[in-house]
C-alpha atoms as a PDB file:
ATOM      1  CA  MET A   1     120.380  77.066 142.222  1.00  0.00           C
ATOM      2  CA  ARG A   2     119.600  73.612 140.843  1.00  0.00           C
ATOM      3  CA  LYS A   3     121.970  72.497 138.116  1.00  0.00           C
ATOM      4  CA  ASP A   4     120.535  69.061 137.283  1.00  0.00           C
ATOM      5  CA  TYR A   5     117.256  69.930 135.595  1.00  0.00           C
ATOM      6  CA  ARG A   6     116.880  69.283 131.921  1.00  0.00           C
ATOM      7  CA  ILE A   7     113.756  69.490 129.799  1.00  0.00           C
ATOM      8  CA  LYS A   8     111.457  66.674 130.758  1.00  0.00           C
ATOM      9  CA  PHE A   9     107.787  66.158 130.301  1.00  0.00           C
ATOM     10  CA  GLY A  10     106.934  63.638 133.012  1.00  0.00           C
ATOM     11  CA  LEU A  11     104.111  61.468 131.740  1.00  0.00           C
ATOM     12  CA  PHE A  12     104.516  62.851 128.250  1.00  0.00           C
ATOM     13  CA  THR A  13     108.148  62.170 127.331  1.00  0.00           C
ATOM     14  CA  GLY A  14     109.481  60.805 124.101  1.00  0.00           C
ATOM     15  CA  LEU A  15     108.731  63.623 121.669  1.00  0.00           C
ATOM     16  CA  VAL A  16     111.488  63.644 119.066  1.00  0.00           C
ATOM     17  CA  MET A  17     110.202  65.703 116.151  1.00  0.00           C
ATOM     18  CA  LEU A  18     108.019  68.779 116.157  1.00  0.00           C
ATOM     19  CA  PRO A  19     104.725  68.183 114.325  1.00  0.00           C
ATOM     20  CA  VAL A  20     104.814  70.054 111.041  1.00  0.00           C
ATOM     21  CA  SER A  21     101.198  71.165 111.506  1.00  0.00           C
ATOM     22  CA  LEU A  22     102.069  72.947 114.743  1.00  0.00           C
ATOM     23  CA  PHE A  23     104.043  75.678 113.045  1.00  0.00           C
ATOM     24  CA  ALA A  24     102.560  75.416 109.533  1.00  0.00           C
ATOM     25  CA  GLN A  25      99.917  78.063 110.096  1.00  0.00           C
ATOM     26  CA  GLN A  26     100.834  81.395 108.577  1.00  0.00           C
ATOM     27  CA  LYS A  27     101.787  84.041 111.106  1.00  0.00           C
ATOM     28  CA  GLU A  28      99.666  87.165 111.088  1.00  0.00           C
ATOM     29  CA  ARG A  29     101.132  90.666 111.113  1.00  0.00           C
ATOM     30  CA  VAL A  30     101.622  92.182 114.549  1.00  0.00           C
ATOM     31  CA  SER A  31     101.113  95.907 115.089  1.00  0.00           C
ATOM     32  CA  VAL A  32     102.831  97.550 118.085  1.00  0.00           C
ATOM     33  CA  LEU A  33     101.722 101.173 118.440  1.00  0.00           C
ATOM     34  CA  ARG A  34     102.340 103.906 121.035  1.00  0.00           C
ATOM     35  CA  PRO A  35      99.500 106.441 121.319  1.00  0.00           C
ATOM     36  CA  VAL A  36     100.760 109.994 121.757  1.00  0.00           C
ATOM     37  CA  GLY A  37     100.499 111.290 125.313  1.00  0.00           C
ATOM     38  CA  LYS A  38      99.516 107.971 126.889  1.00  0.00           C
ATOM     39  CA  ASN A  39     101.499 105.561 129.059  1.00  0.00           C
ATOM     40  CA  GLU A  40     100.484 102.545 127.047  1.00  0.00           C
ATOM     41  CA  VAL A  41     101.459 100.498 124.004  1.00  0.00           C
ATOM     42  CA  ASN A  42      98.733  98.737 121.995  1.00  0.00           C
ATOM     43  CA  ILE A  43      99.321  95.383 120.335  1.00  0.00           C
ATOM     44  CA  SER A  44      97.076  93.980 117.618  1.00  0.00           C
ATOM     45  CA  ILE A  45      97.508  90.796 115.589  1.00  0.00           C
ATOM     46  CA  GLY A  46      95.938  90.215 112.205  1.00  0.00           C
ATOM     47  CA  GLY A  47      94.144  93.544 112.514  1.00  0.00           C
ATOM     48  CA  LYS A  48      92.470  92.513 115.793  1.00  0.00           C
ATOM     49  CA  ALA A  49      93.185  94.016 119.209  1.00  0.00           C
ATOM     50  CA  PHE A  50      95.238  91.608 121.341  1.00  0.00           C
ATOM     51  CA  THR A  51      96.454  93.428 124.443  1.00  0.00           C
ATOM     52  CA  SER A  52      97.871  96.705 125.765  1.00  0.00           C
ATOM     53  CA  PHE A  53     100.988  97.314 127.822  1.00  0.00           C
ATOM     54  CA  LEU A  54      99.830  99.739 130.531  1.00  0.00           C
ATOM     55  CA  TYR A  55     102.225 101.681 132.760  1.00  0.00           C
ATOM     56  CA  PRO A  56     100.381 104.734 134.148  1.00  0.00           C
ATOM     57  CA  ASP A  57     101.336 106.292 137.476  1.00  0.00           C
ATOM     58  CA  THR A  58      97.996 105.069 138.881  1.00  0.00           C
ATOM     59  CA  LEU A  59      99.180 101.450 138.763  1.00  0.00           C
ATOM     60  CA  GLU A  60     101.788  99.984 141.090  1.00  0.00           C
ATOM     61  CA  LYS A  61     103.298  97.876 138.291  1.00  0.00           C
ATOM     62  CA  PRO A  62     103.168  97.595 134.489  1.00  0.00           C
ATOM     63  CA  VAL A  63     100.683  95.073 133.105  1.00  0.00           C
ATOM     64  CA  LEU A  64      99.401  93.534 129.900  1.00  0.00           C
ATOM     65  CA  TYR A  65      95.655  94.225 130.025  1.00  0.00           C
ATOM     66  CA  PRO A  66      93.216  93.111 128.819  1.00  0.00           C
ATOM     67  CA  VAL A  67      94.373  89.982 126.991  1.00  0.00           C
ATOM     68  CA  ARG A  68      92.274  88.473 124.185  1.00  0.00           C
ATOM     69  CA  ASP A  69      92.287  85.236 122.245  1.00  0.00           C
ATOM     70  CA  ALA A  70      92.429  85.242 118.440  1.00  0.00           C
ATOM     71  CA  ASN A  71      88.625  85.415 118.287  1.00  0.00           C
ATOM     72  CA  GLY A  72      88.649  88.640 120.312  1.00  0.00           C
ATOM     73  CA  THR A  73      87.339  87.123 123.547  1.00  0.00           C
ATOM     74  CA  ILE A  74      88.893  88.689 126.655  1.00  0.00           C
ATOM     75  CA  VAL A  75      90.512  85.883 128.670  1.00  0.00           C
ATOM     76  CA  THR A  76      91.627  87.980 131.674  1.00  0.00           C
ATOM     77  CA  ARG A  77      89.417  89.308 134.473  1.00  0.00           C
ATOM     78  CA  GLY A  78      88.036  92.816 134.019  1.00  0.00           C
ATOM     79  CA  PHE A  79      88.176  93.948 137.667  1.00  0.00           C
ATOM     80  CA  PRO A  80      89.466  96.369 138.867  1.00  0.00           C
ATOM     81  CA  LEU A  81      90.049  98.431 135.701  1.00  0.00           C
ATOM     82  CA  ASP A  82      86.913  97.393 133.786  1.00  0.00           C
ATOM     83  CA  PRO A  83      84.682  95.216 136.012  1.00  0.00           C
ATOM     84  CA  LYS A  84      82.279  92.765 134.383  1.00  0.00           C
ATOM     85  CA  PRO A  85      78.893  91.877 135.923  1.00  0.00           C
ATOM     86  CA  GLY A  86      79.097  88.903 138.269  1.00  0.00           C
ATOM     87  CA  GLU A  87      82.870  88.447 138.224  1.00  0.00           C
ATOM     88  CA  PRO A  88      84.876  88.183 141.484  1.00  0.00           C
ATOM     89  CA  THR A  89      86.226  91.405 143.000  1.00  0.00           C
ATOM     90  CA  ASP A  90      88.867  89.920 145.315  1.00  0.00           C
ATOM     91  CA  HIS A  91      92.609  90.656 145.069  1.00  0.00           C
ATOM     92  CA  PRO A  92      92.586  94.075 143.348  1.00  0.00           C
ATOM     93  CA  HIS A  93      96.300  93.682 142.578  1.00  0.00           C
ATOM     94  CA  HIS A  94      95.499  90.882 140.089  1.00  0.00           C
ATOM     95  CA  ILE A  95      95.421  92.809 136.795  1.00  0.00           C
ATOM     96  CA  GLY A  96      95.897  91.132 133.416  1.00  0.00           C
ATOM     97  CA  ILE A  97      99.400  89.650 133.172  1.00  0.00           C
ATOM     98  CA  TRP A  98     102.159  90.968 135.434  1.00  0.00           C
ATOM     99  CA  PHE A  99     105.598  90.113 136.833  1.00  0.00           C
ATOM    100  CA  ASN A 100     106.726  90.877 140.395  1.00  0.00           C
ATOM    101  CA  TYR A 101     107.371  89.288 143.792  1.00  0.00           C
ATOM    102  CA  GLU A 102     106.068  89.238 147.351  1.00  0.00           C
ATOM    103  CA  ASN A 103     109.307  89.673 149.294  1.00  0.00           C
ATOM    104  CA  LEU A 104     112.259  91.574 147.854  1.00  0.00           C
ATOM    105  CA  ASN A 105     114.413  93.127 150.585  1.00  0.00           C
ATOM    106  CA  GLY A 106     111.366  92.944 152.851  1.00  0.00           C
ATOM    107  CA  LEU A 107     109.135  94.850 150.421  1.00  0.00           C
ATOM    108  CA  ASP A 108     105.951  93.336 148.996  1.00  0.00           C
ATOM    109  CA  PHE A 109     105.724  94.158 145.299  1.00  0.00           C
ATOM    110  CA  TRP A 110     103.036  91.552 144.530  1.00  0.00           C
ATOM    111  CA  ASN A 111     100.175  92.680 146.767  1.00  0.00           C
ATOM    112  CA  ASN A 112     100.493  96.439 146.302  1.00  0.00           C
ATOM    113  CA  SER A 113      97.354  98.165 144.979  1.00  0.00           C
ATOM    114  CA  TYR A 114      95.050 101.137 145.522  1.00  0.00           C
ATOM    115  CA  ALA A 115      93.465  99.144 148.362  1.00  0.00           C
ATOM    116  CA  ILE A 116      96.517  99.364 150.673  1.00  0.00           C
ATOM    117  CA  PRO A 117      95.927 101.895 153.503  1.00  0.00           C
ATOM    118  CA  ALA A 118      98.268 104.884 153.486  1.00  0.00           C
ATOM    119  CA  ASP A 119      99.813 103.914 156.819  1.00  0.00           C
ATOM    120  CA  LYS A 120     100.790 100.494 155.400  1.00  0.00           C
ATOM    121  CA  LYS A 121     102.158 101.632 152.041  1.00  0.00           C
ATOM    122  CA  HIS A 122     105.738 101.757 153.333  1.00  0.00           C
ATOM    123  CA  LEU A 123     105.700  97.956 153.425  1.00  0.00           C
ATOM    124  CA  TYR A 124     105.113  97.756 149.688  1.00  0.00           C
ATOM    125  CA  GLY A 125     107.214  98.318 146.591  1.00  0.00           C
ATOM    126  CA  TRP A 126     106.447  99.925 143.237  1.00  0.00           C
ATOM    127  CA  ILE A 127     107.633  99.048 139.739  1.00  0.00           C
ATOM    128  CA  LYS A 128     107.969 102.260 137.752  1.00  0.00           C
ATOM    129  CA  THR A 129     108.418 102.065 133.994  1.00  0.00           C
ATOM    130  CA  GLU A 130     110.890 104.727 132.913  1.00  0.00           C
ATOM    131  CA  LYS A 131     111.428 104.152 129.231  1.00  0.00           C
ATOM    132  CA  ILE A 132     110.083 102.221 126.254  1.00  0.00           C
ATOM    133  CA  LEU A 133     113.160 100.715 124.592  1.00  0.00           C
ATOM    134  CA  GLU A 134     111.528  99.433 121.416  1.00  0.00           C
ATOM    135  CA  ALA A 135     108.103  99.109 119.817  1.00  0.00           C
ATOM    136  CA  VAL A 136     108.432  97.268 116.517  1.00  0.00           C
ATOM    137  CA  SER A 137     105.699  95.883 114.246  1.00  0.00           C
ATOM    138  CA  GLY A 138     106.135  92.918 111.912  1.00  0.00           C
ATOM    139  CA  THR A 139     105.539  89.186 111.638  1.00  0.00           C
ATOM    140  CA  VAL A 140     106.797  89.166 115.216  1.00  0.00           C
ATOM    141  CA  GLY A 141     105.956  92.257 117.244  1.00  0.00           C
ATOM    142  CA  LYS A 142     108.593  93.474 119.689  1.00  0.00           C
ATOM    143  CA  LEU A 143     108.213  95.601 122.798  1.00  0.00           C
ATOM    144  CA  GLY A 144     110.966  96.454 125.272  1.00  0.00           C
ATOM    145  CA  TYR A 145     110.963  98.598 128.384  1.00  0.00           C
ATOM    146  CA  HIS A 146     113.160  99.640 131.292  1.00  0.00           C
ATOM    147  CA  ALA A 147     111.779  99.952 134.821  1.00  0.00           C
ATOM    148  CA  LYS A 148     112.940 100.399 138.405  1.00  0.00           C
ATOM    149  CA  TRP A 149     111.756  98.482 141.453  1.00  0.00           C
ATOM    150  CA  VAL A 150     111.604 101.090 144.219  1.00  0.00           C
ATOM    151  CA  ASN A 151     110.399 101.617 147.784  1.00  0.00           C
ATOM    152  CA  GLN A 152     108.069 104.425 148.832  1.00  0.00           C
ATOM    153  CA  GLN A 153     111.027 106.830 149.007  1.00  0.00           C
ATOM    154  CA  ASN A 154     111.906 106.015 145.372  1.00  0.00           C
ATOM    155  CA  GLU A 155     115.085 104.251 146.476  1.00  0.00           C
ATOM    156  CA  VAL A 156     115.921 101.792 143.721  1.00  0.00           C
ATOM    157  CA  GLN A 157     116.318  98.118 144.616  1.00  0.00           C
ATOM    158  CA  LEU A 158     116.451  96.634 141.117  1.00  0.00           C
ATOM    159  CA  GLU A 159     116.608  97.743 137.523  1.00  0.00           C
ATOM    160  CA  GLU A 160     114.405  95.731 135.182  1.00  0.00           C
ATOM    161  CA  THR A 161     114.831  95.278 131.442  1.00  0.00           C
ATOM    162  CA  THR A 162     112.030  93.335 129.745  1.00  0.00           C
ATOM    163  CA  HIS A 163     111.565  92.346 126.116  1.00  0.00           C
ATOM    164  CA  PHE A 164     108.335  90.892 124.725  1.00  0.00           C
ATOM    165  CA  GLU A 165     107.806  89.126 121.431  1.00  0.00           C
ATOM    166  CA  PHE A 166     104.195  88.783 120.233  1.00  0.00           C
ATOM    167  CA  SER A 167     103.055  86.471 117.455  1.00  0.00           C
ATOM    168  CA  GLY A 168      99.873  84.785 116.309  1.00  0.00           C
ATOM    169  CA  THR A 169      97.976  82.701 113.779  1.00  0.00           C
ATOM    170  CA  THR A 170      94.290  82.145 113.050  1.00  0.00           C
ATOM    171  CA  HIS A 171      93.583  80.491 116.417  1.00  0.00           C
ATOM    172  CA  GLN A 172      96.717  81.132 118.470  1.00  0.00           C
ATOM    173  CA  ARG A 173      98.463  83.965 120.277  1.00  0.00           C
ATOM    174  CA  ILE A 174     101.976  83.716 121.805  1.00  0.00           C
ATOM    175  CA  ILE A 175     103.750  86.047 124.221  1.00  0.00           C
ATOM    176  CA  ASP A 176     107.447  85.418 124.837  1.00  0.00           C
ATOM    177  CA  ARG A 177     108.810  87.399 127.778  1.00  0.00           C
ATOM    178  CA  VAL A 178     112.455  87.817 128.814  1.00  0.00           C
ATOM    179  CA  THR A 179     113.016  89.850 131.993  1.00  0.00           C
ATOM    180  CA  THR A 180     116.442  90.678 133.431  1.00  0.00           C
ATOM    181  CA  LEU A 181     116.668  92.063 136.978  1.00  0.00           C
ATOM    182  CA  LYS A 182     119.903  93.827 137.976  1.00  0.00           C
ATOM    183  CA  ALA A 183     120.620  94.583 141.618  1.00  0.00           C
ATOM    184  CA  VAL A 184     121.378  98.259 142.272  1.00  0.00           C
ATOM    185  CA  ASN A 185     122.250  97.264 145.827  1.00  0.00           C
ATOM    186  CA  GLU A 186     122.357  93.863 147.502  1.00  0.00           C
ATOM    187  CA  CYS A 187     119.019  92.124 146.923  1.00  0.00           C
ATOM    188  CA  LEU A 188     117.359  89.160 148.606  1.00  0.00           C
ATOM    189  CA  PHE A 189     114.277  87.447 147.229  1.00  0.00           C
ATOM    190  CA  THR A 190     113.060  85.639 150.342  1.00  0.00           C
ATOM    191  CA  ASP A 191     111.143  82.443 149.593  1.00  0.00           C
ATOM    192  CA  ALA A 192     107.458  83.435 149.420  1.00  0.00           C
ATOM    193  CA  LYS A 193     104.193  82.190 147.943  1.00  0.00           C
ATOM    194  CA  ASP A 194     103.274  85.088 145.670  1.00  0.00           C
ATOM    195  CA  GLY A 195     105.376  85.429 142.521  1.00  0.00           C
ATOM    196  CA  MET A 196     106.658  85.755 139.793  1.00  0.00           C
ATOM    197  CA  LEU A 197     104.748  85.688 136.493  1.00  0.00           C
ATOM    198  CA  GLY A 198     101.032  85.965 137.194  1.00  0.00           C
ATOM    199  CA  LEU A 199      97.768  86.398 135.363  1.00  0.00           C
ATOM    200  CA  ARG A 200      94.165  86.623 136.515  1.00  0.00           C
ATOM    201  CA  LEU A 201      91.735  84.547 134.526  1.00  0.00           C
ATOM    202  CA  ALA A 202      88.346  85.483 133.167  1.00  0.00           C
ATOM    203  CA  HIS A 203      85.451  84.137 135.242  1.00  0.00           C
ATOM    204  CA  GLU A 204      84.724  81.292 132.801  1.00  0.00           C
ATOM    205  CA  LEU A 205      88.221  79.826 133.219  1.00  0.00           C
ATOM    206  CA  GLN A 206      87.981  79.471 136.992  1.00  0.00           C
ATOM    207  CA  ILE A 207      87.533  75.978 138.404  1.00  0.00           C
ATOM    208  CA  PRO A 208      83.925  75.398 139.591  1.00  0.00           C
ATOM    209  CA  ALA A 209      83.902  75.611 143.395  1.00  0.00           C
ATOM    210  CA  THR A 210      82.997  72.419 145.265  1.00  0.00           C
ATOM    211  CA  GLU A 211      82.789  74.202 148.606  1.00  0.00           C
ATOM    212  CA  ASP A 212      82.117  77.721 149.837  1.00  0.00           C
ATOM    213  CA  GLN A 213      84.992  80.100 149.091  1.00  0.00           C
ATOM    214  CA  LYS A 214      85.962  83.085 151.224  1.00  0.00           C
ATOM    215  CA  PHE A 215      88.069  85.933 149.869  1.00  0.00           C
ATOM    216  CA  THR A 216      89.543  88.790 151.903  1.00  0.00           C
ATOM    217  CA  ASP A 217      90.812  91.881 150.101  1.00  0.00           C
ATOM    218  CA  ASN A 218      93.585  94.239 151.235  1.00  0.00           C
ATOM    219  CA  LYS A 219      91.091  96.313 153.230  1.00  0.00           C
ATOM    220  CA  GLY A 220      89.819  93.302 155.153  1.00  0.00           C
ATOM    221  CA  ASN A 221      86.524  93.089 153.273  1.00  0.00           C
ATOM    222  CA  VAL A 222      85.300  89.491 153.044  1.00  0.00           C
ATOM    223  CA  THR A 223      83.458  88.028 150.055  1.00  0.00           C
ATOM    224  CA  VAL A 224      81.866  84.572 150.251  1.00  0.00           C
ATOM    225  CA  VAL A 225      80.985  82.580 147.140  1.00  0.00           C
ATOM    226  CA  LYS A 226      78.632  79.690 147.827  1.00  0.00           C
ATOM    227  CA  ALA A 227      79.412  76.357 146.184  1.00  0.00           C
ATOM    228  CA  GLY A 228      76.933  75.698 143.407  1.00  0.00           C
ATOM    229  CA  ASP A 229      75.989  79.359 143.008  1.00  0.00           C
ATOM    230  CA  ASP A 230      78.559  80.007 140.289  1.00  0.00           C
ATOM    231  CA  HIS A 231      77.209  78.758 136.962  1.00  0.00           C
ATOM    232  CA  ILE A 232      79.824  80.520 134.832  1.00  0.00           C
ATOM    233  CA  ALA A 233      83.120  78.927 135.931  1.00  0.00           C
ATOM    234  CA  ASN A 234      83.991  75.773 133.983  1.00  0.00           C
ATOM    235  CA  GLY A 235      87.790  75.774 133.848  1.00  0.00           C
ATOM    236  CA  ASN A 236      90.408  73.164 134.689  1.00  0.00           C
ATOM    237  CA  TYR A 237      94.207  72.944 134.987  1.00  0.00           C
ATOM    238  CA  LEU A 238      96.589  70.386 133.462  1.00  0.00           C
ATOM    239  CA  THR A 239     100.372  70.293 133.959  1.00  0.00           C
ATOM    240  CA  SER A 240     103.153  68.616 131.984  1.00  0.00           C
ATOM    241  CA  GLU A 241     103.351  66.091 134.823  1.00  0.00           C
ATOM    242  CA  GLY A 242      99.685  65.133 134.494  1.00  0.00           C
ATOM    243  CA  LYS A 243      98.391  67.021 137.542  1.00  0.00           C
ATOM    244  CA  GLN A 244      94.832  68.267 137.082  1.00  0.00           C
ATOM    245  CA  GLY A 245      92.478  70.748 138.713  1.00  0.00           C
ATOM    246  CA  ASN A 246      93.382  71.987 142.170  1.00  0.00           C
ATOM    247  CA  ASP A 247      96.072  69.279 142.373  1.00  0.00           C
ATOM    248  CA  ALA A 248      98.214  71.388 140.037  1.00  0.00           C
ATOM    249  CA  TRP A 249      98.871  73.881 142.832  1.00  0.00           C
ATOM    250  CA  SER A 250     102.327  73.621 144.484  1.00  0.00           C
ATOM    251  CA  THR A 251     103.602  71.048 141.974  1.00  0.00           C
ATOM    252  CA  ARG A 252     106.441  71.410 139.487  1.00  0.00           C
ATOM    253  CA  GLY A 253     106.123  71.231 135.748  1.00  0.00           C
ATOM    254  CA  VAL A 254     107.594  72.458 132.479  1.00  0.00           C
ATOM    255  CA  TRP A 255     104.190  73.858 131.557  1.00  0.00           C
ATOM    256  CA  CYS A 256     100.713  74.290 132.927  1.00  0.00           C
ATOM    257  CA  LYS A 257      97.559  75.116 131.014  1.00  0.00           C
ATOM    258  CA  VAL A 258      94.099  76.226 132.052  1.00  0.00           C
ATOM    259  CA  TYR A 259      91.220  75.495 129.711  1.00  0.00           C
ATOM    260  CA  GLY A 260      87.465  75.827 129.460  1.00  0.00           C
ATOM    261  CA  LYS A 261      84.545  77.027 127.358  1.00  0.00           C
ATOM    262  CA  MET A 262      84.060  80.712 126.637  1.00  0.00           C
ATOM    263  CA  GLY A 263      80.928  81.095 124.569  1.00  0.00           C
ATOM    264  CA  ALA A 264      81.023  78.569 121.740  1.00  0.00           C
ATOM    265  CA  ASP A 265      84.829  78.293 121.795  1.00  0.00           C
ATOM    266  CA  SER A 266      87.206  76.081 123.707  1.00  0.00           C
ATOM    267  CA  VAL A 267      89.902  78.368 125.132  1.00  0.00           C
ATOM    268  CA  SER A 268      93.220  77.538 126.771  1.00  0.00           C
ATOM    269  CA  ILE A 269      96.048  79.565 128.273  1.00  0.00           C
ATOM    270  CA  ALA A 270      99.381  77.864 128.902  1.00  0.00           C
ATOM    271  CA  ILE A 271     102.477  79.166 130.660  1.00  0.00           C
ATOM    272  CA  ILE A 272     105.727  77.479 129.628  1.00  0.00           C
ATOM    273  CA  ASP A 273     108.857  77.581 131.776  1.00  0.00           C
ATOM    274  CA  HIS A 274     112.396  77.822 130.380  1.00  0.00           C
ATOM    275  CA  PRO A 275     115.308  75.537 131.351  1.00  0.00           C
ATOM    276  CA  LYS A 276     117.578  78.533 132.016  1.00  0.00           C
ATOM    277  CA  ASN A 277     115.218  79.947 134.657  1.00  0.00           C
ATOM    278  CA  PRO A 278     116.183  79.702 138.337  1.00  0.00           C
ATOM    279  CA  ASN A 279     114.914  76.546 140.051  1.00  0.00           C
ATOM    280  CA  TYR A 280     113.581  74.995 136.835  1.00  0.00           C
ATOM    281  CA  PRO A 281     111.038  73.484 136.425  1.00  0.00           C
ATOM    282  CA  THR A 282     108.888  76.022 138.213  1.00  0.00           C
ATOM    283  CA  PHE A 283     106.272  75.522 140.908  1.00  0.00           C
ATOM    284  CA  TRP A 284     102.705  76.333 139.853  1.00  0.00           C
ATOM    285  CA  HIS A 285     100.789  78.814 141.991  1.00  0.00           C
ATOM    286  CA  ALA A 286      97.599  77.871 140.141  1.00  0.00           C
ATOM    287  CA  ARG A 287      94.425  78.548 142.113  1.00  0.00           C
ATOM    288  CA  GLY A 288      90.915  77.490 141.233  1.00  0.00           C
ATOM    289  CA  TYR A 289      89.541  80.972 141.901  1.00  0.00           C
ATOM    290  CA  GLY A 290      91.430  82.379 138.916  1.00  0.00           C
ATOM    291  CA  LEU A 291      95.025  83.184 139.886  1.00  0.00           C
ATOM    292  CA  PHE A 292      97.434  81.447 137.489  1.00  0.00           C
ATOM    293  CA  ALA A 293     101.118  82.000 138.270  1.00  0.00           C
ATOM    294  CA  ALA A 294     104.573  80.478 137.841  1.00  0.00           C
ATOM    295  CA  ASN A 295     106.725  80.930 140.940  1.00  0.00           C
ATOM    296  CA  PRO A 296     110.139  79.233 141.084  1.00  0.00           C
ATOM    297  CA  LEU A 297     110.986  80.987 144.372  1.00  0.00           C
ATOM    298  CA  GLY A 298     108.144  79.704 146.569  1.00  0.00           C
ATOM    299  CA  GLU A 299     109.701  76.343 147.351  1.00  0.00           C
ATOM    300  CA  LYS A 300     109.335  76.590 151.145  1.00  0.00           C
ATOM    301  CA  VAL A 301     105.586  77.157 150.898  1.00  0.00           C
ATOM    302  CA  PHE A 302     104.996  74.623 148.156  1.00  0.00           C
ATOM    303  CA  THR A 303     106.996  71.846 149.887  1.00  0.00           C
ATOM    304  CA  ASN A 304     105.562  72.499 153.369  1.00  0.00           C
ATOM    305  CA  GLY A 305     108.951  73.655 154.638  1.00  0.00           C
ATOM    306  CA  LYS A 306     110.960  70.676 153.407  1.00  0.00           C
ATOM    307  CA  SER A 307     113.258  72.990 151.406  1.00  0.00           C
ATOM    308  CA  ALA A 308     113.563  76.663 150.512  1.00  0.00           C
ATOM    309  CA  LYS A 309     114.750  78.770 147.607  1.00  0.00           C
ATOM    310  CA  ASN A 310     116.072  82.207 148.558  1.00  0.00           C
ATOM    311  CA  LEU A 311     117.610  84.086 145.642  1.00  0.00           C
ATOM    312  CA  HIS A 312     120.470  86.441 146.522  1.00  0.00           C
ATOM    313  CA  LEU A 313     121.972  89.033 144.196  1.00  0.00           C
ATOM    314  CA  ASP A 314     125.078  91.038 145.032  1.00  0.00           C
ATOM    315  CA  LYS A 315     125.267  94.651 143.894  1.00  0.00           C
ATOM    316  CA  GLY A 316     125.575  94.682 140.102  1.00  0.00           C
ATOM    317  CA  GLU A 317     124.583  91.018 139.738  1.00  0.00           C
ATOM    318  CA  SER A 318     121.612  90.088 137.569  1.00  0.00           C
ATOM    319  CA  VAL A 319     119.156  87.249 136.998  1.00  0.00           C
ATOM    320  CA  THR A 320     116.983  86.530 133.962  1.00  0.00           C
ATOM    321  CA  PHE A 321     113.535  84.946 133.779  1.00  0.00           C
ATOM    322  CA  ARG A 322     112.027  83.648 130.522  1.00  0.00           C
ATOM    323  CA  TYR A 323     108.400  82.617 129.976  1.00  0.00           C
ATOM    324  CA  ARG A 324     106.120  81.769 127.065  1.00  0.00           C
ATOM    325  CA  VAL A 325     102.344  82.276 127.248  1.00  0.00           C
ATOM    326  CA  VAL A 326     100.210  80.477 124.645  1.00  0.00           C
ATOM    327  CA  ILE A 327      96.534  81.308 124.125  1.00  0.00           C
ATOM    328  CA  GLU A 328      94.444  79.064 121.881  1.00  0.00           C
ATOM    329  CA  ASP A 329      90.814  79.182 120.808  1.00  0.00           C
ATOM    330  CA  GLY A 330      88.643  77.102 118.510  1.00  0.00           C
ATOM    331  CA  ALA A 331      87.083  73.654 118.527  1.00  0.00           C
ATOM    332  CA  THR A 332      89.774  72.228 120.815  1.00  0.00           C
ATOM    333  CA  THR A 333      92.427  73.519 123.204  1.00  0.00           C
ATOM    334  CA  THR A 334      96.192  73.186 122.821  1.00  0.00           C
ATOM    335  CA  SER A 335      97.085  69.499 123.099  1.00  0.00           C
ATOM    336  CA  VAL A 336      99.774  67.888 125.238  1.00  0.00           C
ATOM    337  CA  THR A 337     101.775  67.083 122.100  1.00  0.00           C
ATOM    338  CA  GLN A 338     101.556  70.686 120.916  1.00  0.00           C
ATOM    339  CA  LEU A 339     102.548  72.067 124.313  1.00  0.00           C
ATOM    340  CA  ASN A 340     105.543  69.737 124.536  1.00  0.00           C
ATOM    341  CA  ALA A 341     106.620  70.896 121.076  1.00  0.00           C
ATOM    342  CA  LEU A 342     106.119  74.553 121.966  1.00  0.00           C
ATOM    343  CA  ALA A 343     108.190  74.009 125.108  1.00  0.00           C
ATOM    344  CA  GLN A 344     110.996  72.400 123.109  1.00  0.00           C
ATOM    345  CA  ASP A 345     110.900  75.235 120.609  1.00  0.00           C
ATOM    346  CA  PHE A 346     110.985  77.836 123.403  1.00  0.00           C
ATOM    347  CA  ALA A 347     113.899  76.073 125.107  1.00  0.00           C
ATOM    348  CA  LYS A 348     116.059  76.717 122.036  1.00  0.00           C
END
């Protein structure tokens, strides 16, 4: 694990004081409610629906879905749970916001979905939520859960404990996530492309395609999107190191944001890394077609084999991952100065 990384902001260093205006907005009340008889927890902020934590047996992992900005606009893709007309239908395992990994002890937790054939399911892992630990409303809403990462025989590889904090103001929503993974037996996260914290963007926040795009789902079905045919996508990426668009992919940064127009609003979603995370600052698995992920353990792929990052846990050992997600709507998107300040605040 790297020991020499400290908070840095590449092209945007030098921030000493947090702008007063950044945190001056009054926080709205957060409601965290558990409907009786349902495997879900609903979160609203300022009396408006924000997101739901879903953990039914029909899903292969728990997710936050859908996710809305403060104006109520859904910023995550609808497919496969609630498809929207004209949106892409590739990668059925991309649902809302999730956390998992492509190669843990040889099991693929990332790509598992209803689309995997029965004879291939043994290659995939499940994350099964066993208990809600807390569901607390207030100025900051709190949600905690315990889950187990298992194979198809329900043999436990890891125990997961995750705590969310939700907060918001008139034009902003923040999700702080802290996830601790404890090895029940020896565990090896083998360096792989698909991980760890991921979200699938609404169609508008995709980058406009400059060439034909081909997508293959888990059943081998191929979808081709012709360049110039998509008049909805208008998104772009920007990282703390100044990388933009498709150039953000495979690069490191303290934060990365995607931004674009949704209706009359400018909307942005930023993921902020934490200096205590493994292999900080993270690599960005940020794809123009709408996958937006932070993966600190994909170093071999992202450096073209120049180095690798395999994470090993002995039995009983644990590792913790911390992330902040910031969603902004209004006349402008979250600025570089604001994101640097939010990253400094989160690092505390």
